[in-house]
Amino acid sequence: MSDLIVRRADPADYASAGAVTLAAYQPFTGDAADDDYVARLADAASRDVEAELWVATSGEGTVLGCVTICPPGSRWREIARDDEGEFRMLAVSPDAQGRGVGRALVDLVLDRFRSDGASAVALSSLREMTAAHRLYERLGFTRLPERDWKPRPDVDLIAFRRSL
């Protein structure tokens, strides 16, 4: 996508980024409107304050996707070791999927942690998110089964890692 702009989110992006995240995750969350995790998906402002929220926008400024970068010290980190970067909540608007938005956001994450001196990047993903897994594998991530975990009994997260 030639007119794609990837940049740090600003407060004007929060509502759109939250809506994109909810739309991207809806097939995996169903209608759990009262679910605490659904509220976290929508809360782009907190992700930006407590971690870093980055957005991919069209040339016209429409938010097409977003990702939460979890630097060392961020409470959003879940599985990264001290020398690793981590990202969460990679989300691409259903209308923009398949157009390189996810790849651009993951490339940003890799470049960011490489420049920070990290040895690798790690992430957790729902087992059902197979399209995302294919993207991660194309970008050089490998499964890390020893870090798979369950934040809740009904949520099965699998881990991936890519050396930098």
C-alpha atoms as a PDB file:
ATOM      1  CA  MET A   1       0.000   0.000   0.000  1.00  0.00           C
ATOM      2  CA  SER A   2       1.852   3.062  -1.256  1.00  0.00           C
ATOM      3  CA  ASP A   3       0.046   5.791   0.702  1.00  0.00           C
ATOM      4  CA  LEU A   4       0.453   4.068   4.084  1.00  0.00           C
ATOM      5  CA  ILE A   5       1.856   6.194   6.912  1.00  0.00           C
ATOM      6  CA  VAL A   6       3.052   4.524  10.127  1.00  0.00           C
ATOM      7  CA  ARG A   7       3.467   6.884  13.072  1.00  0.00           C
ATOM      8  CA  ARG A   8       3.053   7.236  16.812  1.00  0.00           C
ATOM      9  CA  ALA A   9      -0.588   7.700  17.704  1.00  0.00           C
ATOM     10  CA  ASP A  10      -1.830  11.002  19.043  1.00  0.00           C
ATOM     11  CA  PRO A  11      -4.955  11.566  21.147  1.00  0.00           C
ATOM     12  CA  ALA A  12      -7.029  12.298  18.040  1.00  0.00           C
ATOM     13  CA  ASP A  13      -6.359   8.692  16.926  1.00  0.00           C
ATOM     14  CA  TYR A  14      -7.475   6.944  20.118  1.00  0.00           C
ATOM     15  CA  ALA A  15     -11.153   6.432  19.290  1.00  0.00           C
ATOM     16  CA  SER A  16     -10.405   5.155  15.775  1.00  0.00           C
ATOM     17  CA  ALA A  17      -7.567   2.913  16.982  1.00  0.00           C
ATOM     18  CA  GLY A  18      -9.832   1.442  19.654  1.00  0.00           C
ATOM     19  CA  ALA A  19     -12.576   0.824  17.086  1.00  0.00           C
ATOM     20  CA  VAL A  20     -10.121  -0.817  14.654  1.00  0.00           C
ATOM     21  CA  THR A  21      -8.817  -3.054  17.441  1.00  0.00           C
ATOM     22  CA  LEU A  22     -12.325  -4.109  18.443  1.00  0.00           C
ATOM     23  CA  ALA A  23     -13.273  -4.822  14.822  1.00  0.00           C
ATOM     24  CA  ALA A  24     -10.121  -6.864  14.188  1.00  0.00           C
ATOM     25  CA  TYR A  25     -10.550  -8.906  17.365  1.00  0.00           C
ATOM     26  CA  GLN A  26     -14.336  -9.337  17.110  1.00  0.00           C
ATOM     27  CA  PRO A  27     -14.142 -12.796  15.502  1.00  0.00           C
ATOM     28  CA  PHE A  28     -12.190 -13.940  18.561  1.00  0.00           C
ATOM     29  CA  THR A  29     -14.126 -12.123  21.281  1.00  0.00           C
ATOM     30  CA  GLY A  30     -17.650 -12.666  19.986  1.00  0.00           C
ATOM     31  CA  ASP A  31     -20.310 -10.598  21.689  1.00  0.00           C
ATOM     32  CA  ALA A  32     -18.537 -10.385  25.050  1.00  0.00           C
ATOM     33  CA  ALA A  33     -19.366  -6.691  25.453  1.00  0.00           C
ATOM     34  CA  ASP A  34     -18.965  -6.944  29.239  1.00  0.00           C
ATOM     35  CA  ASP A  35     -15.637  -8.759  29.026  1.00  0.00           C
ATOM     36  CA  ASP A  36     -12.755  -6.931  30.703  1.00  0.00           C
ATOM     37  CA  TYR A  37     -10.451  -7.752  27.781  1.00  0.00           C
ATOM     38  CA  VAL A  38     -12.840  -6.203  25.266  1.00  0.00           C
ATOM     39  CA  ALA A  39     -12.689  -2.977  27.284  1.00  0.00           C
ATOM     40  CA  ARG A  40      -8.875  -3.141  27.194  1.00  0.00           C
ATOM     41  CA  LEU A  41      -8.945  -3.605  23.415  1.00  0.00           C
ATOM     42  CA  ALA A  42     -11.032  -0.453  23.046  1.00  0.00           C
ATOM     43  CA  ASP A  43      -8.896   1.602  25.452  1.00  0.00           C
ATOM     44  CA  ALA A  44      -6.239   2.868  23.044  1.00  0.00           C
ATOM     45  CA  ALA A  45      -5.482   5.863  25.277  1.00  0.00           C
ATOM     46  CA  SER A  46      -4.303   3.672  28.166  1.00  0.00           C
ATOM     47  CA  ARG A  47      -2.181   1.577  25.823  1.00  0.00           C
ATOM     48  CA  ASP A  48      -0.472   4.733  24.586  1.00  0.00           C
ATOM     49  CA  VAL A  49       0.157   6.111  28.074  1.00  0.00           C
ATOM     50  CA  GLU A  50       1.291   2.818  29.655  1.00  0.00           C
ATOM     51  CA  ALA A  51       3.130   1.487  26.575  1.00  0.00           C
ATOM     52  CA  GLU A  52       3.285   3.009  23.054  1.00  0.00           C
ATOM     53  CA  LEU A  53       0.490   3.002  20.517  1.00  0.00           C
ATOM     54  CA  TRP A  54       1.464   3.233  16.847  1.00  0.00           C
ATOM     55  CA  VAL A  55      -0.971   3.596  13.970  1.00  0.00           C
ATOM     56  CA  ALA A  56      -0.939   2.937  10.253  1.00  0.00           C
ATOM     57  CA  THR A  57      -3.034   5.461   8.371  1.00  0.00           C
ATOM     58  CA  SER A  58      -4.072   6.044   4.820  1.00  0.00           C
ATOM     59  CA  GLY A  59      -2.874   9.153   3.052  1.00  0.00           C
ATOM     60  CA  GLU A  60      -6.191  10.741   4.048  1.00  0.00           C
ATOM     61  CA  GLY A  61      -5.524  10.007   7.746  1.00  0.00           C
ATOM     62  CA  THR A  62      -7.913   7.082   8.263  1.00  0.00           C
ATOM     63  CA  VAL A  63      -6.578   4.660  10.883  1.00  0.00           C
ATOM     64  CA  LEU A  64      -6.191   1.307   9.128  1.00  0.00           C
ATOM     65  CA  GLY A  65      -4.334  -0.531  11.874  1.00  0.00           C
ATOM     66  CA  CYS A  66      -2.421  -0.190  15.112  1.00  0.00           C
ATOM     67  CA  VAL A  67       0.020  -1.983  17.371  1.00  0.00           C
ATOM     68  CA  THR A  68       1.039  -1.613  21.002  1.00  0.00           C
ATOM     69  CA  ILE A  69       4.797  -1.609  21.552  1.00  0.00           C
ATOM     70  CA  CYS A  70       5.658  -2.726  25.084  1.00  0.00           C
ATOM     71  CA  PRO A  71       9.037  -1.297  26.071  1.00  0.00           C
ATOM     72  CA  PRO A  72      10.923  -2.522  29.139  1.00  0.00           C
ATOM     73  CA  GLY A  73       9.113  -1.431  32.286  1.00  0.00           C
ATOM     74  CA  SER A  74       5.684  -1.301  30.627  1.00  0.00           C
ATOM     75  CA  ARG A  75       2.928  -3.126  32.492  1.00  0.00           C
ATOM     76  CA  TRP A  76       1.721  -4.346  29.089  1.00  0.00           C
ATOM     77  CA  ARG A  77       4.681  -6.727  28.731  1.00  0.00           C
ATOM     78  CA  GLU A  78       3.681 -10.346  29.273  1.00  0.00           C
ATOM     79  CA  ILE A  79       6.331 -12.793  28.057  1.00  0.00           C
ATOM     80  CA  ALA A  80       9.398 -10.819  26.936  1.00  0.00           C
ATOM     81  CA  ARG A  81      12.660 -11.327  28.756  1.00  0.00           C
ATOM     82  CA  ASP A  82      14.843  -8.378  29.719  1.00  0.00           C
ATOM     83  CA  ASP A  83      16.787  -8.391  26.437  1.00  0.00           C
ATOM     84  CA  GLU A  84      13.690  -8.796  24.238  1.00  0.00           C
ATOM     85  CA  GLY A  85      11.092  -6.458  22.832  1.00  0.00           C
ATOM     86  CA  GLU A  86       7.397  -7.297  22.886  1.00  0.00           C
ATOM     87  CA  PHE A  87       4.315  -6.099  21.091  1.00  0.00           C
ATOM     88  CA  ARG A  88       0.630  -6.699  21.621  1.00  0.00           C
ATOM     89  CA  MET A  89      -2.728  -6.096  20.040  1.00  0.00           C
ATOM     90  CA  LEU A  90      -1.645  -5.930  16.423  1.00  0.00           C
ATOM     91  CA  ALA A  91      -4.899  -4.979  14.728  1.00  0.00           C
ATOM     92  CA  VAL A  92      -5.831  -4.240  11.127  1.00  0.00           C
ATOM     93  CA  SER A  93      -9.242  -2.994  10.093  1.00  0.00           C
ATOM     94  CA  PRO A  94     -11.170  -5.815   8.391  1.00  0.00           C
ATOM     95  CA  ASP A  95     -11.497  -3.543   5.324  1.00  0.00           C
ATOM     96  CA  ALA A  96      -7.701  -3.123   5.106  1.00  0.00           C
ATOM     97  CA  GLN A  97      -6.607  -6.707   5.774  1.00  0.00           C
ATOM     98  CA  GLY A  98      -4.418  -8.243   3.097  1.00  0.00           C
ATOM     99  CA  ARG A  99      -3.040  -4.860   1.999  1.00  0.00           C
ATOM    100  CA  GLY A 100       0.293  -4.847   3.859  1.00  0.00           C
ATOM    101  CA  VAL A 101      -0.843  -2.901   6.925  1.00  0.00           C
ATOM    102  CA  GLY A 102       0.002  -5.659   9.414  1.00  0.00           C
ATOM    103  CA  ARG A 103       3.389  -6.212   7.835  1.00  0.00           C
ATOM    104  CA  ALA A 104       4.205  -2.487   7.979  1.00  0.00           C
ATOM    105  CA  LEU A 105       3.333  -2.396  11.677  1.00  0.00           C
ATOM    106  CA  VAL A 106       5.388  -5.495  12.506  1.00  0.00           C
ATOM    107  CA  ASP A 107       8.315  -4.104  10.470  1.00  0.00           C
ATOM    108  CA  LEU A 108       8.082  -0.951  12.599  1.00  0.00           C
ATOM    109  CA  VAL A 109       8.221  -3.049  15.784  1.00  0.00           C
ATOM    110  CA  LEU A 110      11.262  -4.992  14.550  1.00  0.00           C
ATOM    111  CA  ASP A 111      13.084  -1.811  13.508  1.00  0.00           C
ATOM    112  CA  ARG A 112      12.266  -0.133  16.801  1.00  0.00           C
ATOM    113  CA  PHE A 113      13.577  -2.933  19.004  1.00  0.00           C
ATOM    114  CA  ARG A 114      16.584  -3.505  16.757  1.00  0.00           C
ATOM    115  CA  SER A 115      17.550   0.162  17.188  1.00  0.00           C
ATOM    116  CA  ASP A 116      16.976  -0.185  20.962  1.00  0.00           C
ATOM    117  CA  GLY A 117      19.508  -3.036  21.048  1.00  0.00           C
ATOM    118  CA  ALA A 118      17.093  -5.858  21.825  1.00  0.00           C
ATOM    119  CA  SER A 119      18.220  -9.380  20.943  1.00  0.00           C
ATOM    120  CA  ALA A 120      14.758 -10.519  19.838  1.00  0.00           C
ATOM    121  CA  VAL A 121      11.040  -9.709  19.772  1.00  0.00           C
ATOM    122  CA  ALA A 122       8.448 -11.929  21.449  1.00  0.00           C
ATOM    123  CA  LEU A 123       4.666 -11.962  21.405  1.00  0.00           C
ATOM    124  CA  SER A 124       1.635 -13.963  22.463  1.00  0.00           C
ATOM    125  CA  SER A 125      -1.311 -14.666  20.193  1.00  0.00           C
ATOM    126  CA  LEU A 126      -4.609 -16.475  20.505  1.00  0.00           C
ATOM    127  CA  ARG A 127      -4.267 -19.970  19.081  1.00  0.00           C
ATOM    128  CA  GLU A 128      -7.173 -19.197  16.706  1.00  0.00           C
ATOM    129  CA  MET A 129      -5.474 -16.181  15.050  1.00  0.00           C
ATOM    130  CA  THR A 130      -4.047 -18.240  12.205  1.00  0.00           C
ATOM    131  CA  ALA A 131      -3.860 -15.376   9.674  1.00  0.00           C
ATOM    132  CA  ALA A 132      -1.654 -13.421  12.084  1.00  0.00           C
ATOM    133  CA  HIS A 133       0.476 -16.527  12.664  1.00  0.00           C
ATOM    134  CA  ARG A 134       1.103 -16.803   8.926  1.00  0.00           C
ATOM    135  CA  LEU A 135       2.276 -13.189   8.865  1.00  0.00           C
ATOM    136  CA  TYR A 136       4.593 -13.753  11.824  1.00  0.00           C
ATOM    137  CA  GLU A 137       6.074 -16.847  10.197  1.00  0.00           C
ATOM    138  CA  ARG A 138       6.632 -14.983   6.888  1.00  0.00           C
ATOM    139  CA  LEU A 139       8.498 -12.326   8.870  1.00  0.00           C
ATOM    140  CA  GLY A 140      10.800 -14.851  10.536  1.00  0.00           C
ATOM    141  CA  PHE A 141       9.064 -15.503  13.843  1.00  0.00           C
ATOM    142  CA  THR A 142       9.147 -19.058  15.168  1.00  0.00           C
ATOM    143  CA  ARG A 143       6.917 -20.763  17.696  1.00  0.00           C
ATOM    144  CA  LEU A 144       8.077 -20.698  21.279  1.00  0.00           C
ATOM    145  CA  PRO A 145       5.924 -23.387  22.938  1.00  0.00           C
ATOM    146  CA  GLU A 146       7.748 -23.179  26.251  1.00  0.00           C
ATOM    147  CA  ARG A 147       6.246 -19.698  26.739  1.00  0.00           C
ATOM    148  CA  ASP A 148       2.653 -20.609  25.802  1.00  0.00           C
ATOM    149  CA  TRP A 149       0.308 -19.653  28.625  1.00  0.00           C
ATOM    150  CA  LYS A 150      -3.266 -19.133  29.772  1.00  0.00           C
ATOM    151  CA  PRO A 151      -4.171 -15.773  31.319  1.00  0.00           C
ATOM    152  CA  ARG A 152      -7.613 -17.272  32.004  1.00  0.00           C
ATOM    153  CA  PRO A 153      -8.803 -20.878  31.853  1.00  0.00           C
ATOM    154  CA  ASP A 154     -10.677 -20.219  28.585  1.00  0.00           C
ATOM    155  CA  VAL A 155      -7.876 -18.251  26.844  1.00  0.00           C
ATOM    156  CA  ASP A 156      -5.032 -20.189  25.218  1.00  0.00           C
ATOM    157  CA  LEU A 157      -2.117 -17.990  24.124  1.00  0.00           C
ATOM    158  CA  ILE A 158       0.762 -19.263  22.032  1.00  0.00           C
ATOM    159  CA  ALA A 159       4.137 -17.563  21.889  1.00  0.00           C
ATOM    160  CA  PHE A 160       6.349 -16.522  18.988  1.00  0.00           C
ATOM    161  CA  ARG A 161       9.857 -15.044  18.877  1.00  0.00           C
ATOM    162  CA  ARG A 162      12.140 -13.567  16.270  1.00  0.00           C
ATOM    163  CA  SER A 163      15.834 -12.941  16.788  1.00  0.00           C
ATOM    164  CA  LEU A 164      17.091  -9.552  15.652  1.00  0.00           C
END
